[in-house]
Amino acid sequence: MGRGRAKAKQTKVARRLKYHTPEMDLDSLQRELAGKAPTSHSDDYDEYDDDPYAQYAHYNDAYDDWDDEGEANARQA
Protein backbone atom coordinates (compact mmCIF):
# COMPACT_ATOMS: atom_id res chain seq x y z
CA MET A 1 0.00 0.00 0.00
CA GLY A 2 1.08 3.56 -0.55
CA ARG A 3 2.71 2.92 -3.90
CA GLY A 4 -0.05 4.79 -5.73
CA ARG A 5 0.61 8.03 -3.91
CA ALA A 6 4.36 7.88 -4.56
CA LYS A 7 3.82 7.05 -8.22
CA ALA A 8 1.33 9.90 -8.60
CA LYS A 9 3.84 12.34 -7.14
CA GLN A 10 6.58 11.09 -9.46
CA THR A 11 4.25 11.45 -12.43
CA LYS A 12 3.34 14.98 -11.36
CA VAL A 13 7.00 15.98 -11.06
CA ALA A 14 7.84 14.36 -14.39
CA ARG A 15 5.04 16.23 -16.16
CA ARG A 16 6.10 19.51 -14.58
CA LEU A 17 9.69 19.01 -15.77
CA LYS A 18 8.58 17.94 -19.23
CA TYR A 19 6.06 20.68 -19.98
CA HIS A 20 7.01 23.62 -17.78
CA THR A 21 9.97 25.74 -18.74
CA PRO A 22 11.52 27.24 -15.63
CA GLU A 23 12.72 30.82 -15.74
CA MET A 24 16.48 31.04 -15.91
CA ASP A 25 18.54 33.97 -14.78
CA LEU A 26 21.31 33.68 -17.35
CA ASP A 27 23.09 36.79 -16.09
CA SER A 28 23.57 35.32 -12.63
CA LEU A 29 24.66 32.02 -14.18
CA GLN A 30 27.25 33.83 -16.27
CA ARG A 31 28.53 35.71 -13.20
CA GLU A 32 28.76 32.49 -11.25
CA LEU A 33 30.65 30.67 -13.97
CA ALA A 34 32.97 33.57 -14.78
CA GLY A 35 33.81 34.27 -11.14
CA LYS A 36 35.54 30.97 -10.50
CA ALA A 37 38.81 30.05 -12.14
CA PRO A 38 39.36 26.41 -12.98
CA THR A 39 41.40 24.67 -10.34
CA SER A 40 44.14 22.25 -11.19
CA HIS A 41 44.57 19.33 -8.84
CA SER A 42 47.33 17.66 -10.81
CA ASP A 43 50.04 18.77 -8.40
CA ASP A 44 48.02 17.39 -5.47
CA TYR A 45 47.74 13.95 -7.07
CA ASP A 46 49.06 11.06 -5.06
CA GLU A 47 49.56 7.69 -6.69
CA TYR A 48 47.72 6.05 -3.79
CA ASP A 49 44.61 8.23 -4.01
CA ASP A 50 42.82 5.66 -6.15
CA ASP A 51 43.76 2.75 -3.87
CA PRO A 52 41.03 2.13 -1.30
CA TYR A 53 43.47 0.19 0.90
CA ALA A 54 46.27 2.79 0.94
CA GLN A 55 45.24 4.00 4.38
CA TYR A 56 46.05 0.54 5.76
CA ALA A 57 49.55 0.27 4.26
CA HIS A 58 51.24 1.26 7.51
CA TYR A 59 49.79 -1.86 9.18
CA ASN A 60 51.59 -4.01 6.65
CA ASP A 61 54.90 -2.37 7.50
CA ALA A 62 54.33 -2.56 11.26
CA TYR A 63 53.42 -6.25 11.34
CA ASP A 64 55.60 -7.50 8.50
CA ASP A 65 58.27 -8.84 10.87
CA TRP A 66 55.69 -11.03 12.64
CA ASP A 67 55.56 -13.33 9.62
CA ASP A 68 59.33 -13.70 9.62
CA GLU A 69 59.45 -14.53 13.34
CA GLY A 70 56.65 -17.09 12.95
CA GLU A 71 58.46 -18.88 10.15
CA ALA A 72 61.71 -18.95 12.12
CA ASN A 73 59.96 -20.45 15.16
CA ALA A 74 58.22 -23.05 12.99
CA ARG A 75 61.55 -24.18 11.50
CA GLN A 76 63.14 -24.61 14.93
CA ALA A 77 60.35 -26.85 16.21
PDB file of N, CA and C in Angstrom:
ATOM      1  N   MET A   1       0.833  -1.177   0.000  1.00  0.00           N
ATOM      2  CA  MET A   1       0.000   0.000   0.000  1.00  0.00           C
ATOM      3  C   MET A   1       0.879   1.241   0.000  1.00  0.00           C
ATOM      4  N   GLY A   2       0.341   2.308  -0.530  1.00  0.00           N
ATOM      5  CA  GLY A   2       1.083   3.557  -0.546  1.00  0.00           C
ATOM      6  C   GLY A   2       1.859   3.788  -1.817  1.00  0.00           C
ATOM      7  N   ARG A   3       1.966   2.780  -2.651  1.00  0.00           N
ATOM      8  CA  ARG A   3       2.711   2.918  -3.901  1.00  0.00           C
ATOM      9  C   ARG A   3       2.017   3.879  -4.851  1.00  0.00           C
ATOM     10  N   GLY A   4       0.704   3.917  -4.838  1.00  0.00           N
ATOM     11  CA  GLY A   4      -0.053   4.788  -5.735  1.00  0.00           C
ATOM     12  C   GLY A   4       0.229   6.256  -5.494  1.00  0.00           C
ATOM     13  N   ARG A   5       0.345   6.636  -4.236  1.00  0.00           N
ATOM     14  CA  ARG A   5       0.608   8.034  -3.907  1.00  0.00           C
ATOM     15  C   ARG A   5       2.011   8.440  -4.362  1.00  0.00           C
ATOM     16  N   ALA A   6       2.986   7.576  -4.148  1.00  0.00           N
ATOM     17  CA  ALA A   6       4.362   7.884  -4.562  1.00  0.00           C
ATOM     18  C   ALA A   6       4.464   7.966  -6.082  1.00  0.00           C
ATOM     19  N   LYS A   7       3.788   7.038  -6.756  1.00  0.00           N
ATOM     20  CA  LYS A   7       3.820   7.053  -8.218  1.00  0.00           C
ATOM     21  C   LYS A   7       3.134   8.297  -8.767  1.00  0.00           C
ATOM     22  N   ALA A   8       2.039   8.701  -8.158  1.00  0.00           N
ATOM     23  CA  ALA A   8       1.334   9.905  -8.604  1.00  0.00           C
ATOM     24  C   ALA A   8       2.213  11.138  -8.443  1.00  0.00           C
ATOM     25  N   LYS A   9       2.956  11.192  -7.348  1.00  0.00           N
ATOM     26  CA  LYS A   9       3.840  12.336  -7.135  1.00  0.00           C
ATOM     27  C   LYS A   9       4.966  12.340  -8.164  1.00  0.00           C
ATOM     28  N   GLN A  10       5.532  11.166  -8.451  1.00  0.00           N
ATOM     29  CA  GLN A  10       6.584  11.088  -9.465  1.00  0.00           C
ATOM     30  C   GLN A  10       6.062  11.503 -10.830  1.00  0.00           C
ATOM     31  N   THR A  11       4.854  11.082 -11.158  1.00  0.00           N
ATOM     32  CA  THR A  11       4.246  11.453 -12.434  1.00  0.00           C
ATOM     33  C   THR A  11       4.027  12.957 -12.503  1.00  0.00           C
ATOM     34  N   LYS A  12       3.570  13.542 -11.408  1.00  0.00           N
ATOM     35  CA  LYS A  12       3.339  14.984 -11.360  1.00  0.00           C
ATOM     36  C   LYS A  12       4.642  15.748 -11.575  1.00  0.00           C
ATOM     37  N   VAL A  13       5.698  15.322 -10.908  1.00  0.00           N
ATOM     38  CA  VAL A  13       6.998  15.979 -11.055  1.00  0.00           C
ATOM     39  C   VAL A  13       7.525  15.805 -12.471  1.00  0.00           C
ATOM     40  N   ALA A  14       7.367  14.614 -13.035  1.00  0.00           N
ATOM     41  CA  ALA A  14       7.843  14.363 -14.393  1.00  0.00           C
ATOM     42  C   ALA A  14       7.107  15.236 -15.403  1.00  0.00           C
ATOM     43  N   ARG A  15       5.805  15.373 -15.247  1.00  0.00           N
ATOM     44  CA  ARG A  15       5.039  16.233 -16.160  1.00  0.00           C
ATOM     45  C   ARG A  15       5.459  17.687 -16.033  1.00  0.00           C
ATOM     46  N   ARG A  16       5.683  18.129 -14.793  1.00  0.00           N
ATOM     47  CA  ARG A  16       6.103  19.515 -14.583  1.00  0.00           C
ATOM     48  C   ARG A  16       7.451  19.768 -15.257  1.00  0.00           C
ATOM     49  N   LEU A  17       8.378  18.833 -15.129  1.00  0.00           N
ATOM     50  CA  LEU A  17       9.686  19.006 -15.766  1.00  0.00           C
ATOM     51  C   LEU A  17       9.590  18.948 -17.289  1.00  0.00           C
ATOM     52  N   LYS A  18       8.691  18.116 -17.787  1.00  0.00           N
ATOM     53  CA  LYS A  18       8.576  17.942 -19.234  1.00  0.00           C
ATOM     54  C   LYS A  18       7.907  19.135 -19.907  1.00  0.00           C
ATOM     55  N   TYR A  19       6.852  19.660 -19.304  1.00  0.00           N
ATOM     56  CA  TYR A  19       6.055  20.676 -19.984  1.00  0.00           C
ATOM     57  C   TYR A  19       6.258  22.098 -19.484  1.00  0.00           C
ATOM     58  N   HIS A  20       6.831  22.278 -18.327  1.00  0.00           N
ATOM     59  CA  HIS A  20       7.006  23.615 -17.776  1.00  0.00           C
ATOM     60  C   HIS A  20       8.448  24.051 -17.961  1.00  0.00           C
ATOM     61  N   THR A  21       8.632  25.201 -18.545  1.00  0.00           N
ATOM     62  CA  THR A  21       9.972  25.742 -18.736  1.00  0.00           C
ATOM     63  C   THR A  21      10.273  26.694 -17.590  1.00  0.00           C
ATOM     64  N   PRO A  22      11.216  26.348 -16.747  1.00  0.00           N
ATOM     65  CA  PRO A  22      11.525  27.244 -15.633  1.00  0.00           C
ATOM     66  C   PRO A  22      12.241  28.496 -16.119  1.00  0.00           C
ATOM     67  N   GLU A  23      12.038  29.575 -15.387  1.00  0.00           N
ATOM     68  CA  GLU A  23      12.717  30.820 -15.741  1.00  0.00           C
ATOM     69  C   GLU A  23      14.172  30.724 -15.309  1.00  0.00           C
ATOM     70  N   MET A  24      15.056  31.084 -16.221  1.00  0.00           N
ATOM     71  CA  MET A  24      16.478  31.045 -15.914  1.00  0.00           C
ATOM     72  C   MET A  24      17.033  32.450 -15.868  1.00  0.00           C
ATOM     73  N   ASP A  25      17.845  32.697 -14.885  1.00  0.00           N
ATOM     74  CA  ASP A  25      18.544  33.968 -14.783  1.00  0.00           C
ATOM     75  C   ASP A  25      19.938  33.748 -15.364  1.00  0.00           C
ATOM     76  N   LEU A  26      20.054  33.958 -16.666  1.00  0.00           N
ATOM     77  CA  LEU A  26      21.311  33.677 -17.351  1.00  0.00           C
ATOM     78  C   LEU A  26      22.423  34.627 -16.937  1.00  0.00           C
ATOM     79  N   ASP A  27      22.064  35.839 -16.545  1.00  0.00           N
ATOM     80  CA  ASP A  27      23.089  36.788 -16.090  1.00  0.00           C
ATOM     81  C   ASP A  27      23.760  36.299 -14.808  1.00  0.00           C
ATOM     82  N   SER A  28      22.966  35.814 -13.868  1.00  0.00           N
ATOM     83  CA  SER A  28      23.568  35.320 -12.626  1.00  0.00           C
ATOM     84  C   SER A  28      24.360  34.041 -12.880  1.00  0.00           C
ATOM     85  N   LEU A  29      23.903  33.221 -13.816  1.00  0.00           N
ATOM     86  CA  LEU A  29      24.656  32.025 -14.176  1.00  0.00           C
ATOM     87  C   LEU A  29      26.002  32.389 -14.780  1.00  0.00           C
ATOM     88  N   GLN A  30      26.005  33.386 -15.651  1.00  0.00           N
ATOM     89  CA  GLN A  30      27.254  33.831 -16.267  1.00  0.00           C
ATOM     90  C   GLN A  30      28.206  34.393 -15.212  1.00  0.00           C
ATOM     91  N   ARG A  31      27.680  35.166 -14.276  1.00  0.00           N
ATOM     92  CA  ARG A  31      28.525  35.711 -13.198  1.00  0.00           C
ATOM     93  C   ARG A  31      29.114  34.587 -12.348  1.00  0.00           C
ATOM     94  N   GLU A  32      28.298  33.600 -12.071  1.00  0.00           N
ATOM     95  CA  GLU A  32      28.762  32.489 -11.246  1.00  0.00           C
ATOM     96  C   GLU A  32      29.856  31.695 -11.950  1.00  0.00           C
ATOM     97  N   LEU A  33      29.659  31.450 -13.232  1.00  0.00           N
ATOM     98  CA  LEU A  33      30.650  30.670 -13.973  1.00  0.00           C
ATOM     99  C   LEU A  33      31.918  31.458 -14.250  1.00  0.00           C
ATOM    100  N   ALA A  34      31.796  32.753 -14.474  1.00  0.00           N
ATOM    101  CA  ALA A  34      32.967  33.574 -14.778  1.00  0.00           C
ATOM    102  C   ALA A  34      33.764  33.909 -13.524  1.00  0.00           C
ATOM    103  N   GLY A  35      33.138  33.878 -12.376  1.00  0.00           N
ATOM    104  CA  GLY A  35      33.811  34.268 -11.143  1.00  0.00           C
ATOM    105  C   GLY A  35      34.791  33.250 -10.622  1.00  0.00           C
ATOM    106  N   LYS A  36      34.676  32.018 -11.032  1.00  0.00           N
ATOM    107  CA  LYS A  36      35.535  30.969 -10.498  1.00  0.00           C
ATOM    108  C   LYS A  36      36.511  30.504 -11.567  1.00  0.00           C
ATOM    109  N   ALA A  37      37.784  30.537 -11.222  1.00  0.00           N
ATOM    110  CA  ALA A  37      38.810  30.050 -12.139  1.00  0.00           C
ATOM    111  C   ALA A  37      38.906  28.534 -12.003  1.00  0.00           C
ATOM    112  N   PRO A  38      39.208  27.862 -13.083  1.00  0.00           N
ATOM    113  CA  PRO A  38      39.361  26.410 -12.984  1.00  0.00           C
ATOM    114  C   PRO A  38      40.544  26.062 -12.094  1.00  0.00           C
ATOM    115  N   THR A  39      40.335  25.082 -11.244  1.00  0.00           N
ATOM    116  CA  THR A  39      41.403  24.670 -10.341  1.00  0.00           C
ATOM    117  C   THR A  39      42.080  23.426 -10.883  1.00  0.00           C
ATOM    118  N   SER A  40      43.371  23.396 -10.728  1.00  0.00           N
ATOM    119  CA  SER A  40      44.141  22.249 -11.186  1.00  0.00           C
ATOM    120  C   SER A  40      44.582  21.446  -9.973  1.00  0.00           C
ATOM    121  N   HIS A  41      44.199  20.197  -9.948  1.00  0.00           N
ATOM    122  CA  HIS A  41      44.568  19.333  -8.838  1.00  0.00           C
ATOM    123  C   HIS A  41      45.685  18.372  -9.227  1.00  0.00           C
ATOM    124  N   SER A  42      46.312  18.604 -10.359  1.00  0.00           N
ATOM    125  CA  SER A  42      47.328  17.665 -10.814  1.00  0.00           C
ATOM    126  C   SER A  42      48.541  17.641  -9.901  1.00  0.00           C
ATOM    127  N   ASP A  43      48.887  18.770  -9.279  1.00  0.00           N
ATOM    128  CA  ASP A  43      50.041  18.775  -8.397  1.00  0.00           C
ATOM    129  C   ASP A  43      49.709  18.155  -7.038  1.00  0.00           C
ATOM    130  N   ASP A  44      48.427  18.014  -6.715  1.00  0.00           N
ATOM    131  CA  ASP A  44      48.022  17.387  -5.466  1.00  0.00           C
ATOM    132  C   ASP A  44      47.819  15.882  -5.623  1.00  0.00           C
ATOM    133  N   TYR A  45      48.025  15.355  -6.800  1.00  0.00           N
ATOM    134  CA  TYR A  45      47.738  13.950  -7.065  1.00  0.00           C
ATOM    135  C   TYR A  45      48.740  13.053  -6.348  1.00  0.00           C
ATOM    136  N   ASP A  46      48.237  12.063  -5.715  1.00  0.00           N
ATOM    137  CA  ASP A  46      49.062  11.064  -5.058  1.00  0.00           C
ATOM    138  C   ASP A  46      48.758   9.733  -5.726  1.00  0.00           C
ATOM    139  N   GLU A  47      49.775   8.941  -5.973  1.00  0.00           N
ATOM    140  CA  GLU A  47      49.557   7.694  -6.694  1.00  0.00           C
ATOM    141  C   GLU A  47      48.679   6.729  -5.907  1.00  0.00           C
ATOM    142  N   TYR A  48      48.533   6.938  -4.606  1.00  0.00           N
ATOM    143  CA  TYR A  48      47.721   6.054  -3.785  1.00  0.00           C
ATOM    144  C   TYR A  48      46.301   6.572  -3.574  1.00  0.00           C
ATOM    145  N   ASP A  49      45.949   7.681  -4.187  1.00  0.00           N
ATOM    146  CA  ASP A  49      44.610   8.232  -4.007  1.00  0.00           C
ATOM    147  C   ASP A  49      43.528   7.288  -4.519  1.00  0.00           C
ATOM    148  N   ASP A  50      43.812   6.541  -5.570  1.00  0.00           N
ATOM    149  CA  ASP A  50      42.818   5.656  -6.150  1.00  0.00           C
ATOM    150  C   ASP A  50      42.749   4.309  -5.437  1.00  0.00           C
ATOM    151  N   ASP A  51      43.707   4.025  -4.554  1.00  0.00           N
ATOM    152  CA  ASP A  51      43.764   2.748  -3.866  1.00  0.00           C
ATOM    153  C   ASP A  51      42.935   2.821  -2.589  1.00  0.00           C
ATOM    154  N   PRO A  52      41.856   2.053  -2.499  1.00  0.00           N
ATOM    155  CA  PRO A  52      41.025   2.134  -1.300  1.00  0.00           C
ATOM    156  C   PRO A  52      41.713   1.573  -0.057  1.00  0.00           C
ATOM    157  N   TYR A  53      42.786   0.800  -0.228  1.00  0.00           N
ATOM    158  CA  TYR A  53      43.475   0.187   0.903  1.00  0.00           C
ATOM    159  C   TYR A  53      44.748   0.923   1.290  1.00  0.00           C
ATOM    160  N   ALA A  54      45.031   2.052   0.671  1.00  0.00           N
ATOM    161  CA  ALA A  54      46.266   2.789   0.941  1.00  0.00           C
ATOM    162  C   ALA A  54      46.346   3.244   2.390  1.00  0.00           C
ATOM    163  N   GLN A  55      45.210   3.532   2.992  1.00  0.00           N
ATOM    164  CA  GLN A  55      45.237   4.000   4.376  1.00  0.00           C
ATOM    165  C   GLN A  55      45.667   2.903   5.347  1.00  0.00           C
ATOM    166  N   TYR A  56      45.661   1.640   4.898  1.00  0.00           N
ATOM    167  CA  TYR A  56      46.051   0.536   5.765  1.00  0.00           C
ATOM    168  C   TYR A  56      47.471   0.048   5.494  1.00  0.00           C
ATOM    169  N   ALA A  57      48.204   0.715   4.632  1.00  0.00           N
ATOM    170  CA  ALA A  57      49.547   0.269   4.260  1.00  0.00           C
ATOM    171  C   ALA A  57      50.494   0.272   5.445  1.00  0.00           C
ATOM    172  N   HIS A  58      50.329   1.203   6.365  1.00  0.00           N
ATOM    173  CA  HIS A  58      51.242   1.255   7.508  1.00  0.00           C
ATOM    174  C   HIS A  58      51.092   0.026   8.404  1.00  0.00           C
ATOM    175  N   TYR A  59      49.933  -0.633   8.402  1.00  0.00           N
ATOM    176  CA  TYR A  59      49.785  -1.863   9.176  1.00  0.00           C
ATOM    177  C   TYR A  59      50.655  -2.968   8.598  1.00  0.00           C
ATOM    178  N   ASN A  60      50.762  -3.004   7.297  1.00  0.00           N
ATOM    179  CA  ASN A  60      51.591  -4.011   6.651  1.00  0.00           C
ATOM    180  C   ASN A  60      53.046  -3.848   7.064  1.00  0.00           C
ATOM    181  N   ASP A  61      53.519  -2.620   7.111  1.00  0.00           N
ATOM    182  CA  ASP A  61      54.902  -2.369   7.504  1.00  0.00           C
ATOM    183  C   ASP A  61      55.123  -2.692   8.981  1.00  0.00           C
ATOM    184  N   ALA A  62      54.170  -2.370   9.820  1.00  0.00           N
ATOM    185  CA  ALA A  62      54.332  -2.565  11.260  1.00  0.00           C
ATOM    186  C   ALA A  62      54.332  -4.036  11.645  1.00  0.00           C
ATOM    187  N   TYR A  63      53.549  -4.852  10.955  1.00  0.00           N
ATOM    188  CA  TYR A  63      53.415  -6.254  11.336  1.00  0.00           C
ATOM    189  C   TYR A  63      54.111  -7.196  10.365  1.00  0.00           C
ATOM    190  N   ASP A  64      54.916  -6.676   9.487  1.00  0.00           N
ATOM    191  CA  ASP A  64      55.598  -7.504   8.502  1.00  0.00           C
ATOM    192  C   ASP A  64      56.599  -8.441   9.163  1.00  0.00           C
ATOM    193  N   ASP A  65      57.265  -8.003  10.222  1.00  0.00           N
ATOM    194  CA  ASP A  65      58.267  -8.839  10.871  1.00  0.00           C
ATOM    195  C   ASP A  65      57.632  -9.992  11.649  1.00  0.00           C
ATOM    196  N   TRP A  66      56.355  -9.936  11.945  1.00  0.00           N
ATOM    197  CA  TRP A  66      55.690 -11.032  12.644  1.00  0.00           C
ATOM    198  C   TRP A  66      55.713 -12.301  11.795  1.00  0.00           C
ATOM    199  N   ASP A  67      55.525 -12.167  10.497  1.00  0.00           N
ATOM    200  CA  ASP A  67      55.557 -13.331   9.620  1.00  0.00           C
ATOM    201  C   ASP A  67      56.934 -13.978   9.636  1.00  0.00           C
ATOM    202  N   ASP A  68      57.975 -13.168   9.622  1.00  0.00           N
ATOM    203  CA  ASP A  68      59.331 -13.698   9.615  1.00  0.00           C
ATOM    204  C   ASP A  68      59.638 -14.430  10.915  1.00  0.00           C
ATOM    205  N   GLU A  69      59.212 -13.892  12.053  1.00  0.00           N
ATOM    206  CA  GLU A  69      59.449 -14.534  13.340  1.00  0.00           C
ATOM    207  C   GLU A  69      58.679 -15.843  13.432  1.00  0.00           C
ATOM    208  N   GLY A  70      57.465 -15.870  12.916  1.00  0.00           N
ATOM    209  CA  GLY A  70      56.655 -17.088  12.954  1.00  0.00           C
ATOM    210  C   GLY A  70      57.268 -18.197  12.132  1.00  0.00           C
ATOM    211  N   GLU A  71      57.817 -17.878  10.991  1.00  0.00           N
ATOM    212  CA  GLU A  71      58.458 -18.881  10.148  1.00  0.00           C
ATOM    213  C   GLU A  71      59.724 -19.402  10.805  1.00  0.00           C
ATOM    214  N   ALA A  72      60.474 -18.533  11.457  1.00  0.00           N
ATOM    215  CA  ALA A  72      61.709 -18.954  12.119  1.00  0.00           C
ATOM    216  C   ALA A  72      61.388 -19.890  13.282  1.00  0.00           C
ATOM    217  N   ASN A  73      60.350 -19.593  14.046  1.00  0.00           N
ATOM    218  CA  ASN A  73      59.960 -20.455  15.162  1.00  0.00           C
ATOM    219  C   ASN A  73      59.438 -21.791  14.664  1.00  0.00           C
ATOM    220  N   ALA A  74      58.753 -21.810  13.543  1.00  0.00           N
ATOM    221  CA  ALA A  74      58.220 -23.053  12.989  1.00  0.00           C
ATOM    222  C   ALA A  74      59.348 -23.950  12.509  1.00  0.00           C
ATOM    223  N   ARG A  75      60.419 -23.384  11.981  1.00  0.00           N
ATOM    224  CA  ARG A  75      61.549 -24.180  11.495  1.00  0.00           C
ATOM    225  C   ARG A  75      62.323 -24.807  12.655  1.00  0.00           C
ATOM    226  N   GLN A  76      62.392 -24.104  13.784  1.00  0.00           N
ATOM    227  CA  GLN A  76      63.144 -24.610  14.930  1.00  0.00           C
ATOM    228  C   GLN A  76      62.418 -25.769  15.604  1.00  0.00           C
ATOM    229  N   ALA A  77      61.121 -25.815  15.505  1.00  0.00           N
ATOM    230  CA  ALA A  77      60.345 -26.850  16.206  1.00  0.00           C
ATOM    231  C   ALA A  77      60.414 -28.192  15.548  1.00  0.00           C
TER     232      ALA A  77
END
